[in-house]
Amino acid sequence: MDPQLTEVTQLFGRFKASFIRNDFGTCTNLLSQLKVLLTKFPSLPPSFQQTPNAVEELTIARDIYEHAVVLSVKTEDQDAFERDFFQLKPYYTDTCGIILPSLQEYPILGLNLLRLLVQNRIAEFHTELELLPSSALENPCIKHAVELEQSFMEGAYNRVLSARQTVPHETYVYFMDLLAKTVRDEIAGCSEKAYDYLSINDAKKILMFSSDQELSEYITEEQPEWEIKDHCVFFQKAKESQPCKEIPSLQLINQTLSYARELERIV
């Protein structure tokens, strides 16, 4: 075996051993070394030179970047996820017929769709979706992300929150928790505008908490302006803290009349 390929293989073996132990600090250090070593392989993108070890080099490089993406989820580093995903993507789009498809391709593509949804990058979500073959929509990982986006756009927040229980891959839990927080914050914002107060039971139902403790912790951490008393959640305090915006109606009327007079002159 080529000495450089041997070195990468051995180092990657150490990486995977650390990954299994959840030693993510060591994984991060080893990953940096692996990325440097991969730059020495001319068969990798963007060059794609035909070398004697091209198949082995492309295969192990793809495996490394797939692990890098999962590592970024484990360490909750969304910036690293984006960088590693875009380094990985050419191995999915440009190596057909050179190396065998990866079993991790659709789980990771679905994970990226979920990330875009969490970050509210809906246009990019649909762009990535349109790049996939129609058959991909039947894959559970892609289908999960698509159904989530539809529920989110429809305002069917109960379906979004309940989807956490049916994730198609364990790596999805991190982004699902972030999405659940976004949804709860959206519901909370609507609730305090619609009601002066809610009973604790109604507040739990609307925000989809299973216990008083979960509701109390959410209010303490995320909605400190709310107040719990007499078995109710009061939003009035939050409403009073918001400045009242006056609409300059007289000014708007005068401007509209002025525009009307100008239009008459033009005509």
C-alpha atoms as a PDB file:
ATOM      1  CA  MET A   1       0.000   0.000   0.000  1.00  0.00           C
ATOM      2  CA  ASP A   2       1.134   3.553  -0.704  1.00  0.00           C
ATOM      3  CA  PRO A   3       2.923   5.041   2.386  1.00  0.00           C
ATOM      4  CA  GLN A   4       0.715   8.156   2.442  1.00  0.00           C
ATOM      5  CA  LEU A   5      -2.453   6.059   2.205  1.00  0.00           C
ATOM      6  CA  THR A   6      -1.127   3.818   4.986  1.00  0.00           C
ATOM      7  CA  GLU A   7      -0.500   6.851   7.207  1.00  0.00           C
ATOM      8  CA  VAL A   8      -4.023   8.189   6.631  1.00  0.00           C
ATOM      9  CA  THR A   9      -5.561   4.765   7.267  1.00  0.00           C
ATOM     10  CA  GLN A  10      -3.722   4.353  10.561  1.00  0.00           C
ATOM     11  CA  LEU A  11      -4.523   7.873  11.749  1.00  0.00           C
ATOM     12  CA  PHE A  12      -8.164   7.420  10.790  1.00  0.00           C
ATOM     13  CA  GLY A  13      -8.209   4.206  12.820  1.00  0.00           C
ATOM     14  CA  ARG A  14      -7.109   6.223  15.868  1.00  0.00           C
ATOM     15  CA  PHE A  15      -9.786   8.804  15.093  1.00  0.00           C
ATOM     16  CA  LYS A  16     -12.544   6.171  15.002  1.00  0.00           C
ATOM     17  CA  ALA A  17     -11.328   4.623  18.246  1.00  0.00           C
ATOM     18  CA  SER A  18     -11.501   8.031  19.938  1.00  0.00           C
ATOM     19  CA  PHE A  19     -14.903   8.650  18.375  1.00  0.00           C
ATOM     20  CA  ILE A  20     -16.283   5.441  19.891  1.00  0.00           C
ATOM     21  CA  ARG A  21     -14.965   6.552  23.306  1.00  0.00           C
ATOM     22  CA  ASN A  22     -16.649   9.961  22.845  1.00  0.00           C
ATOM     23  CA  ASP A  23     -13.240  11.575  23.176  1.00  0.00           C
ATOM     24  CA  PHE A  24     -14.187  14.449  20.907  1.00  0.00           C
ATOM     25  CA  GLY A  25     -11.215  16.623  21.816  1.00  0.00           C
ATOM     26  CA  THR A  26      -8.809  13.995  20.475  1.00  0.00           C
ATOM     27  CA  CYS A  27     -11.074  13.500  17.460  1.00  0.00           C
ATOM     28  CA  THR A  28     -10.900  17.191  16.603  1.00  0.00           C
ATOM     29  CA  ASN A  29      -7.094  17.191  16.783  1.00  0.00           C
ATOM     30  CA  LEU A  30      -6.786  14.036  14.674  1.00  0.00           C
ATOM     31  CA  LEU A  31      -9.278  15.384  12.150  1.00  0.00           C
ATOM     32  CA  SER A  32      -7.121  18.460  11.574  1.00  0.00           C
ATOM     33  CA  GLN A  33      -4.128  16.210  10.862  1.00  0.00           C
ATOM     34  CA  LEU A  34      -6.177  14.005   8.534  1.00  0.00           C
ATOM     35  CA  LYS A  35      -7.385  16.983   6.503  1.00  0.00           C
ATOM     36  CA  VAL A  36      -3.798  18.118   5.972  1.00  0.00           C
ATOM     37  CA  LEU A  37      -2.762  14.639   4.823  1.00  0.00           C
ATOM     38  CA  LEU A  38      -5.707  14.445   2.410  1.00  0.00           C
ATOM     39  CA  THR A  39      -4.415  17.488   0.524  1.00  0.00           C
ATOM     40  CA  LYS A  40      -1.563  15.307  -0.709  1.00  0.00           C
ATOM     41  CA  PHE A  41      -3.918  12.992  -2.633  1.00  0.00           C
ATOM     42  CA  PRO A  42      -4.268  14.269  -6.245  1.00  0.00           C
ATOM     43  CA  SER A  43      -7.244  11.978  -6.853  1.00  0.00           C
ATOM     44  CA  LEU A  44      -9.469  13.999  -4.529  1.00  0.00           C
ATOM     45  CA  PRO A  45     -11.675  16.929  -5.575  1.00  0.00           C
ATOM     46  CA  PRO A  46     -11.318  19.306  -7.242  1.00  0.00           C
ATOM     47  CA  SER A  47      -8.528  17.615  -9.268  1.00  0.00           C
ATOM     48  CA  PHE A  48      -9.940  14.081  -9.520  1.00  0.00           C
ATOM     49  CA  GLN A  49      -6.729  12.832 -11.138  1.00  0.00           C
ATOM     50  CA  GLN A  50      -6.748   9.199 -12.159  1.00  0.00           C
ATOM     51  CA  THR A  51      -4.122   7.600  -9.933  1.00  0.00           C
ATOM     52  CA  PRO A  52      -3.473   3.929  -9.093  1.00  0.00           C
ATOM     53  CA  ASN A  53      -4.952   4.433  -5.594  1.00  0.00           C
ATOM     54  CA  ALA A  54      -7.807   6.758  -6.608  1.00  0.00           C
ATOM     55  CA  VAL A  55     -10.615   4.434  -5.482  1.00  0.00           C
ATOM     56  CA  GLU A  56      -9.072   3.808  -2.066  1.00  0.00           C
ATOM     57  CA  GLU A  57      -8.185   7.478  -1.572  1.00  0.00           C
ATOM     58  CA  LEU A  58     -11.648   8.749  -2.536  1.00  0.00           C
ATOM     59  CA  THR A  59     -13.347   6.139  -0.366  1.00  0.00           C
ATOM     60  CA  ILE A  60     -11.368   6.876   2.788  1.00  0.00           C
ATOM     61  CA  ALA A  61     -11.580  10.644   2.249  1.00  0.00           C
ATOM     62  CA  ARG A  62     -15.371  10.424   1.964  1.00  0.00           C
ATOM     63  CA  ASP A  63     -15.476   8.304   5.115  1.00  0.00           C
ATOM     64  CA  ILE A  64     -13.355  10.869   6.963  1.00  0.00           C
ATOM     65  CA  TYR A  65     -15.585  13.789   5.977  1.00  0.00           C
ATOM     66  CA  GLU A  66     -18.707  11.824   6.882  1.00  0.00           C
ATOM     67  CA  HIS A  67     -17.282  11.265  10.348  1.00  0.00           C
ATOM     68  CA  ALA A  68     -16.338  14.965  10.476  1.00  0.00           C
ATOM     69  CA  VAL A  69     -19.965  15.969   9.841  1.00  0.00           C
ATOM     70  CA  VAL A  70     -21.227  13.661  12.577  1.00  0.00           C
ATOM     71  CA  LEU A  71     -18.501  14.935  14.924  1.00  0.00           C
ATOM     72  CA  SER A  72     -19.691  18.507  14.378  1.00  0.00           C
ATOM     73  CA  VAL A  73     -23.178  17.417  15.479  1.00  0.00           C
ATOM     74  CA  LYS A  74     -21.782  15.670  18.548  1.00  0.00           C
ATOM     75  CA  THR A  75     -19.866  18.833  19.494  1.00  0.00           C
ATOM     76  CA  GLU A  76     -22.838  21.064  18.553  1.00  0.00           C
ATOM     77  CA  ASP A  77     -20.734  23.128  16.152  1.00  0.00           C
ATOM     78  CA  GLN A  78     -22.943  24.298  13.301  1.00  0.00           C
ATOM     79  CA  ASP A  79     -20.155  26.257  11.580  1.00  0.00           C
ATOM     80  CA  ALA A  80     -17.989  23.136  11.448  1.00  0.00           C
ATOM     81  CA  PHE A  81     -20.969  21.185  10.127  1.00  0.00           C
ATOM     82  CA  GLU A  82     -21.366  23.585   7.208  1.00  0.00           C
ATOM     83  CA  ARG A  83     -17.649  23.533   6.348  1.00  0.00           C
ATOM     84  CA  ASP A  84     -17.351  19.748   6.523  1.00  0.00           C
ATOM     85  CA  PHE A  85     -20.593  19.146   4.654  1.00  0.00           C
ATOM     86  CA  PHE A  86     -19.479  21.260   1.688  1.00  0.00           C
ATOM     87  CA  GLN A  87     -16.146  19.431   1.654  1.00  0.00           C
ATOM     88  CA  LEU A  88     -18.040  16.138   1.660  1.00  0.00           C
ATOM     89  CA  LYS A  89     -20.677  17.026  -0.931  1.00  0.00           C
ATOM     90  CA  PRO A  90     -18.470  16.540  -4.066  1.00  0.00           C
ATOM     91  CA  TYR A  91     -17.949  12.920  -3.009  1.00  0.00           C
ATOM     92  CA  TYR A  92     -21.706  12.420  -3.374  1.00  0.00           C
ATOM     93  CA  THR A  93     -22.200  14.400  -6.579  1.00  0.00           C
ATOM     94  CA  ASP A  94     -19.005  13.866  -8.589  1.00  0.00           C
ATOM     95  CA  THR A  95     -17.773  10.345  -7.843  1.00  0.00           C
ATOM     96  CA  CYS A  96     -20.595   8.290  -9.383  1.00  0.00           C
ATOM     97  CA  GLY A  97     -19.082   5.400 -11.296  1.00  0.00           C
ATOM     98  CA  ILE A  98     -15.743   5.770  -9.507  1.00  0.00           C
ATOM     99  CA  ILE A  99     -16.568   4.550  -6.007  1.00  0.00           C
ATOM    100  CA  LEU A 100     -19.586   2.728  -4.584  1.00  0.00           C
ATOM    101  CA  PRO A 101     -22.373   4.841  -3.031  1.00  0.00           C
ATOM    102  CA  SER A 102     -22.153   5.472   0.693  1.00  0.00           C
ATOM    103  CA  LEU A 103     -24.747   4.138   3.104  1.00  0.00           C
ATOM    104  CA  GLN A 104     -24.425   7.420   5.002  1.00  0.00           C
ATOM    105  CA  GLU A 105     -25.265   9.642   2.016  1.00  0.00           C
ATOM    106  CA  TYR A 106     -28.997  10.108   2.578  1.00  0.00           C
ATOM    107  CA  PRO A 107     -28.771  10.331   6.391  1.00  0.00           C
ATOM    108  CA  ILE A 108     -26.239  13.147   6.014  1.00  0.00           C
ATOM    109  CA  LEU A 109     -28.114  14.896   3.186  1.00  0.00           C
ATOM    110  CA  GLY A 110     -31.267  14.753   5.321  1.00  0.00           C
ATOM    111  CA  LEU A 111     -29.312  16.082   8.286  1.00  0.00           C
ATOM    112  CA  ASN A 112     -28.179  19.054   6.211  1.00  0.00           C
ATOM    113  CA  LEU A 113     -31.778  19.765   5.167  1.00  0.00           C
ATOM    114  CA  LEU A 114     -32.760  19.723   8.816  1.00  0.00           C
ATOM    115  CA  ARG A 115     -29.946  22.166   9.647  1.00  0.00           C
ATOM    116  CA  LEU A 116     -31.146  24.586   6.966  1.00  0.00           C
ATOM    117  CA  LEU A 117     -34.673  24.346   8.346  1.00  0.00           C
ATOM    118  CA  VAL A 118     -33.478  25.064  11.886  1.00  0.00           C
ATOM    119  CA  GLN A 119     -31.554  28.097  10.627  1.00  0.00           C
ATOM    120  CA  ASN A 120     -34.650  29.269   8.708  1.00  0.00           C
ATOM    121  CA  ARG A 121     -32.743  29.129   5.399  1.00  0.00           C
ATOM    122  CA  ILE A 122     -35.825  27.965   3.507  1.00  0.00           C
ATOM    123  CA  ALA A 123     -34.653  29.044   0.042  1.00  0.00           C
ATOM    124  CA  GLU A 124     -31.438  27.023   0.430  1.00  0.00           C
ATOM    125  CA  PHE A 125     -33.492  24.116   1.804  1.00  0.00           C
ATOM    126  CA  HIS A 126     -35.509  23.975  -1.435  1.00  0.00           C
ATOM    127  CA  THR A 127     -32.410  24.456  -3.586  1.00  0.00           C
ATOM    128  CA  GLU A 128     -30.719  21.453  -1.965  1.00  0.00           C
ATOM    129  CA  LEU A 129     -33.940  19.460  -2.290  1.00  0.00           C
ATOM    130  CA  GLU A 130     -34.243  20.181  -6.011  1.00  0.00           C
ATOM    131  CA  LEU A 131     -30.718  18.866  -6.595  1.00  0.00           C
ATOM    132  CA  LEU A 132     -31.741  15.414  -5.365  1.00  0.00           C
ATOM    133  CA  PRO A 133     -33.213  12.766  -7.670  1.00  0.00           C
ATOM    134  CA  SER A 134     -36.952  12.184  -7.331  1.00  0.00           C
ATOM    135  CA  SER A 135     -36.283   8.722  -5.888  1.00  0.00           C
ATOM    136  CA  ALA A 136     -34.522  10.359  -2.919  1.00  0.00           C
ATOM    137  CA  LEU A 137     -37.843  11.732  -1.684  1.00  0.00           C
ATOM    138  CA  GLU A 138     -38.837   8.194  -0.702  1.00  0.00           C
ATOM    139  CA  ASN A 139     -35.815   7.813   1.559  1.00  0.00           C
ATOM    140  CA  PRO A 140     -36.917   8.049   5.231  1.00  0.00           C
ATOM    141  CA  CYS A 141     -34.222  10.625   6.058  1.00  0.00           C
ATOM    142  CA  ILE A 142     -35.146  12.977   3.207  1.00  0.00           C
ATOM    143  CA  LYS A 143     -38.862  12.386   3.682  1.00  0.00           C
ATOM    144  CA  HIS A 144     -38.558  13.276   7.372  1.00  0.00           C
ATOM    145  CA  ALA A 145     -36.985  16.663   6.560  1.00  0.00           C
ATOM    146  CA  VAL A 146     -39.548  17.427   3.844  1.00  0.00           C
ATOM    147  CA  GLU A 147     -42.500  16.616   6.095  1.00  0.00           C
ATOM    148  CA  LEU A 148     -41.007  18.752   8.864  1.00  0.00           C
ATOM    149  CA  GLU A 149     -40.664  21.720   6.526  1.00  0.00           C
ATOM    150  CA  GLN A 150     -44.272  21.338   5.382  1.00  0.00           C
ATOM    151  CA  SER A 151     -45.521  21.165   8.970  1.00  0.00           C
ATOM    152  CA  PHE A 152     -43.436  24.179   9.948  1.00  0.00           C
ATOM    153  CA  MET A 153     -44.717  26.272   7.025  1.00  0.00           C
ATOM    154  CA  GLU A 154     -48.326  25.240   7.768  1.00  0.00           C
ATOM    155  CA  GLY A 155     -47.936  26.207  11.421  1.00  0.00           C
ATOM    156  CA  ALA A 156     -48.662  22.617  12.481  1.00  0.00           C
ATOM    157  CA  TYR A 157     -46.261  22.939  15.396  1.00  0.00           C
ATOM    158  CA  ASN A 158     -47.641  19.903  17.208  1.00  0.00           C
ATOM    159  CA  ARG A 159     -46.445  17.713  14.313  1.00  0.00           C
ATOM    160  CA  VAL A 160     -43.039  19.376  14.411  1.00  0.00           C
ATOM    161  CA  LEU A 161     -42.603  18.734  18.134  1.00  0.00           C
ATOM    162  CA  SER A 162     -43.897  15.163  17.995  1.00  0.00           C
ATOM    163  CA  ALA A 163     -41.528  14.356  15.089  1.00  0.00           C
ATOM    164  CA  ARG A 164     -38.640  14.211  17.560  1.00  0.00           C
ATOM    165  CA  GLN A 165     -39.932  10.828  18.690  1.00  0.00           C
ATOM    166  CA  THR A 166     -39.627   9.367  15.178  1.00  0.00           C
ATOM    167  CA  VAL A 167     -36.253  10.626  13.955  1.00  0.00           C
ATOM    168  CA  PRO A 168     -34.802   8.310  11.287  1.00  0.00           C
ATOM    169  CA  HIS A 169     -31.247   8.661  12.612  1.00  0.00           C
ATOM    170  CA  GLU A 170     -29.854   9.324  16.075  1.00  0.00           C
ATOM    171  CA  THR A 171     -27.764  12.278  14.845  1.00  0.00           C
ATOM    172  CA  TYR A 172     -30.997  14.160  14.067  1.00  0.00           C
ATOM    173  CA  VAL A 173     -31.862  14.667  17.749  1.00  0.00           C
ATOM    174  CA  TYR A 174     -29.577  17.705  18.146  1.00  0.00           C
ATOM    175  CA  PHE A 175     -31.222  19.690  15.357  1.00  0.00           C
ATOM    176  CA  MET A 176     -34.680  18.475  16.369  1.00  0.00           C
ATOM    177  CA  ASP A 177     -34.124  19.920  19.849  1.00  0.00           C
ATOM    178  CA  LEU A 178     -33.102  23.240  18.299  1.00  0.00           C
ATOM    179  CA  LEU A 179     -36.182  23.170  16.074  1.00  0.00           C
ATOM    180  CA  ALA A 180     -38.399  22.377  19.052  1.00  0.00           C
ATOM    181  CA  LYS A 181     -37.013  25.431  20.856  1.00  0.00           C
ATOM    182  CA  THR A 182     -37.704  27.620  17.809  1.00  0.00           C
ATOM    183  CA  VAL A 183     -41.265  26.312  17.623  1.00  0.00           C
ATOM    184  CA  ARG A 184     -41.919  26.823  21.337  1.00  0.00           C
ATOM    185  CA  ASP A 185     -40.579  30.359  21.168  1.00  0.00           C
ATOM    186  CA  GLU A 186     -42.917  31.044  18.239  1.00  0.00           C
ATOM    187  CA  ILE A 187     -45.895  29.621  20.143  1.00  0.00           C
ATOM    188  CA  ALA A 188     -44.896  31.597  23.236  1.00  0.00           C
ATOM    189  CA  GLY A 189     -44.781  34.835  21.251  1.00  0.00           C
ATOM    190  CA  CYS A 190     -48.258  34.197  19.804  1.00  0.00           C
ATOM    191  CA  SER A 191     -49.659  33.219  23.223  1.00  0.00           C
ATOM    192  CA  GLU A 192     -48.588  36.379  25.015  1.00  0.00           C
ATOM    193  CA  LYS A 193     -50.135  38.488  22.248  1.00  0.00           C
ATOM    194  CA  ALA A 194     -53.415  36.540  22.276  1.00  0.00           C
ATOM    195  CA  TYR A 195     -53.975  36.108  26.023  1.00  0.00           C
ATOM    196  CA  ASP A 196     -53.532  38.032  29.246  1.00  0.00           C
ATOM    197  CA  TYR A 197     -52.994  34.754  31.087  1.00  0.00           C
ATOM    198  CA  LEU A 198     -53.442  30.989  30.790  1.00  0.00           C
ATOM    199  CA  SER A 199     -53.945  28.283  33.362  1.00  0.00           C
ATOM    200  CA  ILE A 200     -50.868  26.178  33.941  1.00  0.00           C
ATOM    201  CA  ASN A 201     -52.606  23.173  32.370  1.00  0.00           C
ATOM    202  CA  ASP A 202     -53.510  25.169  29.245  1.00  0.00           C
ATOM    203  CA  ALA A 203     -49.988  26.615  29.034  1.00  0.00           C
ATOM    204  CA  LYS A 204     -48.519  23.122  29.255  1.00  0.00           C
ATOM    205  CA  LYS A 205     -50.855  21.916  26.534  1.00  0.00           C
ATOM    206  CA  ILE A 206     -50.123  24.797  24.172  1.00  0.00           C
ATOM    207  CA  LEU A 207     -46.353  24.643  24.710  1.00  0.00           C
ATOM    208  CA  MET A 208     -46.427  20.827  24.755  1.00  0.00           C
ATOM    209  CA  PHE A 209     -44.773  20.207  28.079  1.00  0.00           C
ATOM    210  CA  SER A 210     -45.554  17.052  30.006  1.00  0.00           C
ATOM    211  CA  SER A 211     -44.991  18.429  33.514  1.00  0.00           C
ATOM    212  CA  ASP A 212     -45.275  21.607  35.583  1.00  0.00           C
ATOM    213  CA  GLN A 213     -41.536  21.405  36.193  1.00  0.00           C
ATOM    214  CA  GLU A 214     -40.709  21.558  32.477  1.00  0.00           C
ATOM    215  CA  LEU A 215     -42.994  24.568  32.049  1.00  0.00           C
ATOM    216  CA  SER A 216     -41.472  26.315  35.069  1.00  0.00           C
ATOM    217  CA  GLU A 217     -37.929  25.720  33.807  1.00  0.00           C
ATOM    218  CA  TYR A 218     -38.830  27.044  30.358  1.00  0.00           C
ATOM    219  CA  ILE A 219     -40.325  30.229  31.814  1.00  0.00           C
ATOM    220  CA  THR A 220     -37.334  30.761  34.116  1.00  0.00           C
ATOM    221  CA  GLU A 221     -34.775  30.242  31.350  1.00  0.00           C
ATOM    222  CA  GLU A 222     -36.532  31.584  28.245  1.00  0.00           C
ATOM    223  CA  GLN A 223     -39.420  33.834  29.364  1.00  0.00           C
ATOM    224  CA  PRO A 224     -38.367  35.572  32.607  1.00  0.00           C
ATOM    225  CA  GLU A 225     -40.882  38.374  32.008  1.00  0.00           C
ATOM    226  CA  TRP A 226     -43.766  35.917  32.462  1.00  0.00           C
ATOM    227  CA  GLU A 227     -45.176  35.354  35.947  1.00  0.00           C
ATOM    228  CA  ILE A 228     -46.594  32.216  37.553  1.00  0.00           C
ATOM    229  CA  LYS A 229     -49.144  32.770  40.323  1.00  0.00           C
ATOM    230  CA  ASP A 230     -52.499  31.341  41.398  1.00  0.00           C
ATOM    231  CA  HIS A 231     -51.978  28.304  39.156  1.00  0.00           C
ATOM    232  CA  CYS A 232     -51.786  30.552  36.087  1.00  0.00           C
ATOM    233  CA  VAL A 233     -49.165  31.953  33.732  1.00  0.00           C
ATOM    234  CA  PHE A 234     -49.574  35.725  33.359  1.00  0.00           C
ATOM    235  CA  PHE A 235     -48.358  37.495  30.210  1.00  0.00           C
ATOM    236  CA  GLN A 236     -49.573  40.981  31.201  1.00  0.00           C
ATOM    237  CA  LYS A 237     -46.183  41.845  32.646  1.00  0.00           C
ATOM    238  CA  ALA A 238     -44.577  41.142  29.254  1.00  0.00           C
ATOM    239  CA  LYS A 239     -47.200  43.252  27.453  1.00  0.00           C
ATOM    240  CA  GLU A 240     -46.683  46.189  29.789  1.00  0.00           C
ATOM    241  CA  SER A 241     -42.941  46.139  29.154  1.00  0.00           C
ATOM    242  CA  GLN A 242     -43.424  46.503  25.400  1.00  0.00           C
ATOM    243  CA  PRO A 243     -43.445  50.122  24.160  1.00  0.00           C
ATOM    244  CA  CYS A 244     -46.690  51.282  22.607  1.00  0.00           C
ATOM    245  CA  LYS A 245     -46.232  52.311  19.001  1.00  0.00           C
ATOM    246  CA  GLU A 246     -48.441  55.166  17.851  1.00  0.00           C
ATOM    247  CA  ILE A 247     -49.505  55.327  14.224  1.00  0.00           C
ATOM    248  CA  PRO A 248     -49.096  58.877  12.872  1.00  0.00           C
ATOM    249  CA  SER A 249     -52.565  58.821  11.278  1.00  0.00           C
ATOM    250  CA  LEU A 250     -52.891  62.586  10.690  1.00  0.00           C
ATOM    251  CA  GLN A 251     -49.507  62.718   8.986  1.00  0.00           C
ATOM    252  CA  LEU A 252     -50.417  59.755   6.768  1.00  0.00           C
ATOM    253  CA  ILE A 253     -53.736  61.359   5.776  1.00  0.00           C
ATOM    254  CA  ASN A 254     -52.014  64.622   4.829  1.00  0.00           C
ATOM    255  CA  GLN A 255     -49.388  62.763   2.775  1.00  0.00           C
ATOM    256  CA  THR A 256     -52.081  60.751   0.955  1.00  0.00           C
ATOM    257  CA  LEU A 257     -54.056  63.899   0.103  1.00  0.00           C
ATOM    258  CA  SER A 258     -50.893  65.579  -1.111  1.00  0.00           C
ATOM    259  CA  TYR A 259     -50.103  62.609  -3.396  1.00  0.00           C
ATOM    260  CA  ALA A 260     -53.673  62.721  -4.724  1.00  0.00           C
ATOM    261  CA  ARG A 261     -53.369  66.428  -5.588  1.00  0.00           C
ATOM    262  CA  GLU A 262     -50.060  65.813  -7.364  1.00  0.00           C
ATOM    263  CA  LEU A 263     -51.602  62.977  -9.380  1.00  0.00           C
ATOM    264  CA  GLU A 264     -54.446  65.259 -10.463  1.00  0.00           C
ATOM    265  CA  ARG A 265     -51.932  67.800 -11.742  1.00  0.00           C
ATOM    266  CA  ILE A 266     -50.044  65.149 -13.682  1.00  0.00           C
ATOM    267  CA  VAL A 267     -53.233  63.833 -15.280  1.00  0.00           C
END
